[in-house]
Protein backbone atom coordinates (compact mmCIF):
# COMPACT_ATOMS: atom_id res chain seq x y z
CA MET A 1 -16.59 -158.85 -24.43
CA SER A 2 -14.95 -155.47 -23.77
CA LEU A 3 -15.62 -152.02 -22.40
CA ARG A 4 -14.57 -149.01 -24.47
CA VAL A 5 -14.21 -145.70 -22.63
CA ILE A 6 -13.96 -142.41 -24.53
CA THR A 7 -13.18 -139.02 -23.01
CA ASP A 8 -12.22 -137.12 -26.15
CA VAL A 9 -14.88 -135.71 -28.49
CA ASN A 10 -12.78 -136.43 -31.60
CA GLU A 11 -12.52 -140.09 -30.60
CA PHE A 12 -16.26 -140.15 -29.86
CA ASP A 13 -16.95 -138.93 -33.41
CA LYS A 14 -15.40 -142.17 -34.73
CA VAL A 15 -18.03 -144.33 -33.00
CA ARG A 16 -21.08 -142.09 -33.48
CA ALA A 17 -22.64 -144.16 -36.27
CA ASP A 18 -22.43 -147.43 -34.27
CA TRP A 19 -23.61 -145.65 -31.10
CA ASP A 20 -26.63 -144.14 -32.88
CA CYS A 21 -27.59 -147.37 -34.63
CA PHE A 22 -27.82 -149.07 -31.23
CA VAL A 23 -29.76 -146.22 -29.58
CA ALA A 24 -32.18 -145.83 -32.52
CA ARG A 25 -32.83 -149.58 -32.55
CA THR A 26 -33.01 -150.18 -28.80
CA GLY A 27 -33.79 -147.00 -26.88
CA THR A 28 -36.69 -144.74 -26.02
CA ASN A 29 -34.47 -141.96 -24.67
CA TRP A 30 -33.63 -139.50 -27.42
CA TYR A 31 -30.94 -137.82 -25.31
CA LEU A 32 -28.60 -140.78 -25.58
CA LEU A 33 -28.18 -140.13 -29.31
CA SER A 34 -24.62 -139.12 -30.07
CA GLY A 35 -25.41 -135.54 -31.13
CA PHE A 36 -26.76 -134.73 -27.70
CA VAL A 37 -24.07 -136.68 -25.81
CA ARG A 38 -21.38 -134.93 -27.84
CA THR A 39 -22.75 -131.49 -26.92
CA ARG A 40 -22.79 -132.43 -23.23
CA MET A 41 -19.22 -133.78 -23.41
CA ILE A 42 -18.00 -130.43 -24.74
CA HIS A 43 -19.94 -128.57 -22.04
CA SER A 44 -18.56 -130.88 -19.34
CA ARG A 45 -14.97 -130.23 -20.45
CA LYS A 46 -15.54 -126.48 -20.37
CA GLN A 47 -16.75 -126.84 -16.77
CA GLY A 48 -13.50 -128.56 -15.78
CA ARG A 49 -15.04 -132.03 -15.48
CA ILE A 50 -14.14 -135.37 -17.07
CA PRO A 51 -16.77 -136.73 -19.52
CA LEU A 52 -16.93 -140.46 -20.20
CA ALA A 53 -18.78 -142.13 -23.08
CA VAL A 54 -18.88 -145.86 -22.35
CA LEU A 55 -19.64 -148.64 -24.86
CA ARG A 56 -20.05 -152.34 -24.16
CA LEU A 57 -18.86 -154.36 -27.15
CA THR A 58 -19.25 -158.03 -27.98
CA GLU A 59 -17.75 -159.42 -31.19
CA GLY A 60 -17.35 -155.84 -32.38
CA SER A 61 -21.02 -154.96 -31.95
CA VAL A 62 -22.41 -152.43 -29.47
CA VAL A 63 -24.63 -154.04 -26.82
CA GLY A 64 -24.69 -151.21 -24.27
CA VAL A 65 -23.98 -147.49 -23.87
CA CYS A 66 -23.97 -144.92 -21.09
CA ALA A 67 -22.39 -141.54 -20.43
CA PHE A 68 -20.95 -140.12 -17.18
CA GLU A 69 -18.99 -137.15 -15.95
CA ILE A 70 -16.56 -136.96 -13.04
CA ARG A 71 -16.28 -133.89 -10.81
CA ILE A 72 -13.34 -133.32 -8.50
CA ARG A 73 -14.03 -131.51 -5.23
CA TYR A 74 -11.73 -131.12 -2.24
CA GLY A 75 -9.46 -133.77 -3.81
CA LEU A 76 -12.30 -136.33 -3.98
CA ARG A 77 -13.91 -137.65 -7.17
CA PHE A 78 -17.67 -137.86 -7.70
CA ALA A 79 -19.32 -139.46 -10.74
CA LYS A 80 -22.83 -138.99 -12.09
CA PHE A 81 -24.63 -139.39 -15.39
CA LEU A 82 -23.48 -136.90 -18.02
CA LEU A 83 -27.08 -135.92 -18.82
CA PRO A 84 -29.16 -133.85 -16.36
CA ALA A 85 -31.77 -135.60 -14.22
CA GLU A 86 -34.73 -134.13 -16.13
CA TYR A 87 -33.61 -136.08 -19.20
CA SER A 88 -34.10 -139.37 -17.32
CA PRO A 89 -30.56 -140.63 -18.03
CA ASP A 90 -29.96 -144.34 -17.72
CA PHE A 91 -27.88 -147.25 -18.92
CA LEU A 92 -29.05 -148.40 -22.35
CA VAL A 93 -28.19 -152.07 -22.76
CA ALA A 94 -29.42 -155.28 -24.35
CA PRO A 95 -31.28 -157.27 -21.63
CA ARG A 96 -28.92 -160.26 -21.46
CA HIS A 97 -25.90 -157.97 -20.93
CA ARG A 98 -27.58 -155.73 -18.34
CA GLN A 99 -25.98 -156.99 -15.13
CA SER A 100 -22.48 -157.41 -16.55
CA PHE A 101 -22.55 -153.95 -18.19
CA VAL A 102 -23.71 -152.17 -15.05
CA GLU A 103 -21.13 -154.00 -12.91
CA ALA A 104 -18.32 -153.28 -15.37
CA THR A 105 -19.26 -149.57 -15.48
CA LEU A 106 -19.35 -149.26 -11.68
CA GLU A 107 -15.97 -151.01 -11.45
CA LEU A 108 -14.62 -148.56 -14.03
CA LEU A 109 -15.82 -145.54 -12.03
CA LEU A 110 -15.03 -146.75 -8.51
CA GLU A 111 -11.79 -148.63 -9.17
CA ARG A 112 -10.07 -147.48 -12.36
CA MET A 113 -11.25 -143.84 -12.16
CA ARG A 114 -10.88 -143.81 -8.33
CA CYS A 115 -14.25 -142.18 -7.64
CA GLN A 116 -15.30 -142.03 -3.99
CA ALA A 117 -19.01 -141.94 -4.87
CA VAL A 118 -21.28 -142.56 -7.86
CA THR A 119 -24.80 -141.10 -8.06
CA LEU A 120 -27.31 -142.67 -10.43
CA VAL A 121 -30.57 -140.77 -10.98
CA LEU A 122 -32.74 -143.44 -12.58
CA PRO A 123 -36.34 -143.35 -13.83
CA LYS A 124 -38.57 -145.27 -11.42
CA GLY A 125 -39.19 -148.70 -12.88
CA SER A 126 -36.09 -148.65 -15.06
CA PRO A 127 -35.00 -152.18 -16.11
CA GLN A 128 -31.57 -151.24 -14.71
CA GLU A 129 -32.98 -150.33 -11.29
CA THR A 130 -31.97 -153.54 -9.52
CA ALA A 131 -28.69 -154.21 -11.36
CA PRO A 132 -26.52 -151.69 -9.45
CA ILE A 133 -27.97 -152.76 -6.09
CA THR A 134 -27.12 -156.39 -6.85
CA ALA A 135 -23.61 -155.38 -7.88
CA CYS A 136 -23.13 -153.29 -4.73
CA ALA A 137 -24.26 -156.10 -2.43
CA ARG A 138 -21.74 -158.42 -4.08
CA LYS A 139 -18.87 -155.94 -3.62
CA ARG A 140 -20.02 -154.72 -0.19
CA LEU A 141 -20.47 -151.13 -1.30
CA ARG A 142 -22.66 -148.68 0.55
CA THR A 143 -25.92 -147.63 -1.15
CA THR A 144 -28.47 -144.94 -0.35
CA VAL A 145 -31.74 -144.57 -2.28
CA MET A 146 -34.03 -141.55 -2.28
CA ASP A 147 -36.74 -140.05 -4.49
CA VAL A 148 -35.52 -136.82 -6.10
CA ASP A 149 -38.25 -135.52 -8.42
CA LYS A 150 -41.02 -136.55 -10.81
CA HIS A 151 -42.18 -135.83 -14.34
CA SER A 152 -45.61 -135.67 -15.97
CA ILE A 153 -46.62 -138.41 -18.41
CA LEU A 154 -49.44 -138.53 -20.96
CA VAL A 155 -50.47 -141.90 -22.38
CA VAL A 156 -51.60 -141.60 -26.01
CA ASP A 157 -54.66 -143.84 -26.11
CA GLY A 158 -57.17 -143.38 -28.92
CA THR A 159 -57.82 -140.40 -31.17
CA TRP A 160 -57.52 -136.71 -30.37
CA ARG A 161 -61.31 -136.35 -30.45
CA GLU A 162 -61.64 -139.14 -27.88
CA PHE A 163 -58.97 -137.51 -25.73
CA GLU A 164 -60.76 -134.13 -25.88
CA SER A 165 -64.00 -135.82 -24.91
CA ARG A 166 -62.36 -137.45 -21.88
CA ARG A 167 -60.87 -134.14 -20.75
CA GLY A 168 -64.31 -132.53 -20.79
CA SER A 169 -65.86 -129.24 -21.88
CA ASN A 170 -63.59 -127.05 -19.72
CA PHE A 171 -60.58 -128.35 -21.63
CA ARG A 172 -62.12 -127.59 -25.02
CA ASN A 173 -63.50 -124.21 -23.96
CA HIS A 174 -60.12 -123.09 -22.59
CA PHE A 175 -58.44 -123.40 -25.99
CA LYS A 176 -61.47 -122.06 -27.87
CA LYS A 177 -61.25 -118.87 -25.81
CA ILE A 178 -57.55 -118.55 -26.67
CA GLU A 179 -58.37 -118.97 -30.37
CA ALA A 180 -61.07 -116.29 -30.11
CA LYS A 181 -58.49 -113.86 -28.69
CA LEU A 182 -55.99 -114.80 -31.39
CA ILE A 183 -58.55 -114.05 -34.10
CA GLN A 184 -59.02 -110.58 -32.61
CA THR A 185 -55.28 -109.88 -32.83
CA GLY A 186 -55.11 -110.55 -36.57
CA PRO A 187 -53.77 -113.37 -38.80
CA TRP A 188 -52.07 -116.18 -36.92
CA ARG A 189 -50.70 -119.63 -37.67
CA THR A 190 -48.90 -122.61 -36.07
CA PRO A 191 -46.22 -123.93 -38.45
CA GLN A 192 -44.04 -126.99 -37.74
CA GLU A 193 -40.35 -126.91 -38.70
CA ARG A 194 -37.07 -128.67 -37.99
CA ALA A 195 -35.64 -127.16 -34.81
CA ASN A 196 -32.14 -126.84 -36.29
CA SER A 197 -33.16 -124.92 -39.43
CA PRO A 198 -31.91 -121.30 -39.72
CA GLU A 199 -35.51 -120.06 -39.76
CA SER A 200 -36.33 -121.90 -36.53
CA VAL A 201 -33.21 -120.64 -34.78
CA THR A 202 -34.10 -117.04 -35.69
CA LYS A 203 -37.65 -117.46 -34.39
CA ILE A 204 -36.55 -119.16 -31.16
CA THR A 205 -33.99 -116.43 -30.50
CA THR A 206 -36.63 -113.75 -31.05
CA ILE A 207 -39.07 -115.41 -28.65
CA GLU A 208 -36.43 -116.03 -25.99
CA SER A 209 -35.24 -112.41 -26.19
CA HIS A 210 -38.72 -111.32 -25.07
CA SER A 211 -39.31 -114.14 -22.57
CA TRP A 212 -39.35 -113.93 -18.79
CA LYS A 213 -35.87 -115.52 -18.82
CA HIS A 214 -34.37 -112.43 -20.40
CA ARG A 215 -35.92 -109.78 -18.12
CA ALA A 216 -32.95 -109.69 -15.75
CA ARG A 217 -30.37 -110.14 -18.52
CA ARG A 218 -31.05 -107.23 -20.87
CA ASP A 219 -27.36 -106.52 -21.30
CA GLN A 220 -26.57 -109.96 -22.67
CA LYS A 221 -25.99 -110.63 -26.34
CA LEU A 222 -29.20 -111.81 -28.00
CA ASP A 223 -28.17 -115.29 -29.08
CA ILE A 224 -29.27 -118.72 -27.94
CA ALA A 225 -26.07 -119.51 -26.04
CA ALA A 226 -26.60 -116.43 -23.85
CA LEU A 227 -30.37 -116.76 -23.47
CA ASP A 228 -30.59 -120.47 -22.75
CA PRO A 229 -27.46 -122.66 -23.19
CA THR A 230 -29.49 -125.90 -23.08
CA LEU A 231 -31.18 -124.91 -26.33
CA LEU A 232 -27.93 -125.43 -28.22
CA ALA A 233 -28.39 -129.20 -28.18
CA TYR A 234 -31.65 -128.92 -30.14
CA THR A 235 -30.91 -126.02 -32.48
CA THR A 236 -27.47 -127.32 -33.46
CA PHE A 237 -28.41 -131.00 -33.58
CA ARG A 238 -26.36 -132.85 -36.17
CA GLY A 239 -27.36 -136.48 -36.33
CA SER A 240 -25.29 -139.17 -37.93
CA GLU A 241 -26.81 -140.98 -40.90
CA PRO A 242 -28.93 -143.46 -38.89
CA THR A 243 -30.59 -140.65 -36.90
CA GLU A 244 -31.14 -137.87 -39.41
CA THR A 245 -34.90 -138.52 -39.37
CA LEU A 246 -34.91 -138.12 -35.57
CA CYS A 247 -34.11 -134.41 -35.73
CA PRO A 248 -36.04 -132.35 -33.11
CA GLN A 249 -39.18 -130.67 -34.42
CA ALA A 250 -40.44 -127.23 -33.41
CA TRP A 251 -43.99 -125.89 -33.46
CA PHE A 252 -44.46 -122.11 -33.48
CA LEU A 253 -47.33 -119.77 -32.74
CA GLU A 254 -47.00 -116.71 -34.97
CA ILE A 255 -49.20 -113.61 -34.94
CA GLY A 256 -48.69 -111.79 -38.21
CA ALA A 257 -44.93 -111.80 -38.75
CA THR A 258 -44.15 -112.07 -35.02
CA PRO A 259 -43.18 -115.43 -33.49
CA VAL A 260 -44.88 -115.58 -30.09
CA ALA A 261 -44.29 -119.08 -28.67
CA TYR A 262 -42.58 -122.34 -29.49
CA VAL A 263 -42.27 -125.91 -28.29
CA ILE A 264 -39.53 -128.35 -29.30
CA VAL A 265 -40.46 -132.04 -29.46
CA VAL A 266 -38.09 -134.97 -29.79
CA GLU A 267 -39.41 -138.39 -30.71
CA ILE A 268 -37.95 -141.88 -30.74
CA ASN A 269 -39.42 -145.39 -30.69
CA GLY A 270 -42.94 -144.35 -29.71
CA VAL A 271 -41.97 -141.83 -27.02
CA ALA A 272 -42.22 -138.06 -27.57
CA CYS A 273 -40.61 -135.56 -25.17
CA LEU A 274 -41.75 -131.96 -24.86
CA ALA A 275 -38.17 -130.81 -24.56
CA LYS A 276 -38.24 -127.00 -24.49
CA THR A 277 -40.94 -124.33 -24.56
CA SER A 278 -41.09 -120.58 -24.12
CA TYR A 279 -43.20 -117.57 -25.10
CA ASP A 280 -43.00 -113.84 -25.67
CA ASP A 281 -43.92 -112.28 -22.33
CA ARG A 282 -45.74 -109.41 -24.05
CA PHE A 283 -48.45 -111.88 -25.15
CA ARG A 284 -48.81 -113.76 -21.88
CA ASN A 285 -52.54 -112.92 -21.58
CA LEU A 286 -53.10 -115.21 -24.59
CA TYR A 287 -51.58 -118.26 -22.81
CA PRO A 288 -49.38 -118.80 -25.89
CA GLY A 289 -47.15 -121.43 -24.27
CA GLU A 290 -50.08 -123.65 -23.34
CA TYR A 291 -51.68 -123.15 -26.73
CA ILE A 292 -48.66 -124.17 -28.82
CA GLN A 293 -48.04 -127.19 -26.58
CA ASN A 294 -51.63 -128.25 -27.17
CA VAL A 295 -51.09 -127.90 -30.93
CA ALA A 296 -48.01 -130.15 -30.72
CA ILE A 297 -49.79 -132.72 -28.54
CA LYS A 298 -52.73 -132.86 -30.97
CA SER A 299 -50.28 -133.38 -33.84
CA LEU A 300 -48.62 -136.24 -31.94
CA PHE A 301 -52.03 -137.87 -31.39
CA ASP A 302 -52.93 -137.45 -35.06
CA GLY A 303 -49.54 -138.72 -36.26
CA GLY A 304 -50.16 -142.16 -34.74
CA ARG A 305 -46.45 -142.81 -34.09
CA VAL A 306 -46.25 -142.33 -30.31
CA SER A 307 -47.85 -144.12 -27.38
CA ARG A 308 -46.44 -141.87 -24.67
CA ILE A 309 -45.66 -138.18 -24.21
CA ASP A 310 -43.13 -137.16 -21.56
CA PHE A 311 -43.27 -133.57 -20.24
CA MET A 312 -39.81 -134.17 -18.66
CA THR A 313 -40.64 -131.98 -15.64
CA PHE A 314 -43.57 -131.69 -13.21
CA LEU A 315 -45.38 -128.35 -13.35
CA ARG A 316 -48.88 -127.42 -12.24
CA TYR A 317 -50.15 -126.48 -15.68
CA HIS A 318 -49.41 -130.00 -16.99
CA GLY A 319 -52.66 -130.92 -15.24
CA ARG A 320 -54.41 -129.39 -18.24
CA TRP A 321 -53.61 -132.64 -20.12
CA THR A 322 -52.70 -135.29 -17.56
CA SER A 323 -52.64 -136.22 -13.88
CA LEU A 324 -50.14 -139.05 -14.37
CA HIS A 325 -46.56 -138.71 -13.28
CA GLU A 326 -43.52 -140.91 -12.69
CA LYS A 327 -40.83 -140.55 -10.05
CA ARG A 328 -37.09 -140.52 -10.42
CA GLU A 329 -34.83 -141.83 -7.68
CA ALA A 330 -31.20 -141.23 -6.82
CA LEU A 331 -28.99 -144.17 -5.92
CA ARG A 332 -25.69 -143.15 -4.29
CA ILE A 333 -22.95 -145.76 -4.26
CA SER A 334 -19.77 -145.33 -2.23
CA HIS A 335 -16.92 -147.19 -0.58
CA ASP A 336 -16.83 -147.77 3.17
CA GLY A 337 -15.29 -144.74 4.81
CA PHE A 338 -16.54 -142.32 2.14
CA ALA A 339 -18.41 -140.13 4.64
CA ARG A 340 -15.32 -139.89 6.87
CA ALA A 341 -13.07 -139.03 3.90
CA HIS A 342 -15.59 -136.47 2.64
CA MET A 343 -15.88 -134.69 5.98
CA GLY A 344 -12.11 -134.81 6.47
CA ALA A 345 -11.50 -133.19 3.10
CA MET A 346 -14.03 -130.46 3.80
CA PHE A 347 -12.64 -129.64 7.23
CA GLU A 348 -9.14 -129.52 5.74
CA ARG A 349 -10.46 -127.06 3.13
CA VAL A 350 -12.11 -124.94 5.85
CA SER A 351 -8.92 -124.92 7.91
CA HIS A 352 -6.85 -123.92 4.87
CA ALA A 353 -9.33 -121.17 3.95
CA ARG A 354 -9.29 -119.68 7.46
CA ARG A 355 -5.53 -119.81 7.63
CA PHE A 356 -5.09 -117.81 4.44
CA GLY A 357 -8.23 -115.67 4.76
CA VAL A 358 -9.98 -117.18 1.74
CA LYS A 359 -13.74 -116.66 1.46
CA LEU A 360 -15.56 -120.03 1.30
CA LEU A 361 -17.82 -120.74 -1.65
CA PRO A 362 -21.57 -121.34 -0.96
CA ASP A 363 -21.45 -124.90 -2.37
CA LEU A 364 -18.56 -126.02 -0.18
CA PHE A 365 -20.61 -128.65 1.64
CA LYS A 366 -22.43 -129.98 -1.44
CA ALA A 367 -21.21 -133.23 -3.00
């Protein structure tokens, strides 16, 4: 059994097919597919960090994967999952290799990569939740656990008509009123397309250029990278052969020839994530964002392939569909003496800055 560690995107490309076969067979987290991990590795390098794609191999077969990045601050190294917390990053590993894979990864980060601290933001109830704590107790490492955020969840149980009935008349009337307003504006439709098609990219760019996000950035070039860099992962998704059918899908609300709102949905092994959504601010009185999300959710119910819809974040308007949510928690792992080394490095930085008249950055005291 071996651990393969990859920091170079070109080397990662050589294992993408094996990586994706394992994720598509085992996982429910779309963001661990290689196309998304690859995009984040490139972004991490541009930010001056060290990305790590880690594979656990036994007899040449992949039995576990995870992805981290290492940041260097004040001469100290900090590791965390490569994917942002809202994507519910985790270790993905076959059950019988769980403990050994987690322990081997922590040893890699804390010993071989010389990290002073590792932060794991795990979904509450993750099968891997207890593995790092067990490993830390064995190696006498310090651990701190805290809740960090939560995300809305909708359980797909029954038909769409049954779901509407459970939500009550206010739910149905809300969307009927939106449809009545749409009819008054003229012809409208809600097509579904692949998120990475040229037509979808054009529509998404048009919507984003009129969204609230762009109000304060009128001077920026009107492309997706400038408007919302995180959209690149969906609109440029290039799956390897095993994952081509898992391409993100986009639903659009169009009034006449004008795209007004969109939602991007990614789906894998019975779990659908409402990944990105936005709307043209000029049509906000129509609640276009809510409406197109409802169209996508209805389609997911009707499709019969998913048992769970993850909104990824926790926002008040999610209460339109669900009151369920799940927490995420952060587990920080560090060596004895980490706090003393951290404070010492910061005070040395402060002393150096004062000596040479350097203005301190606002995030100086953030790890």
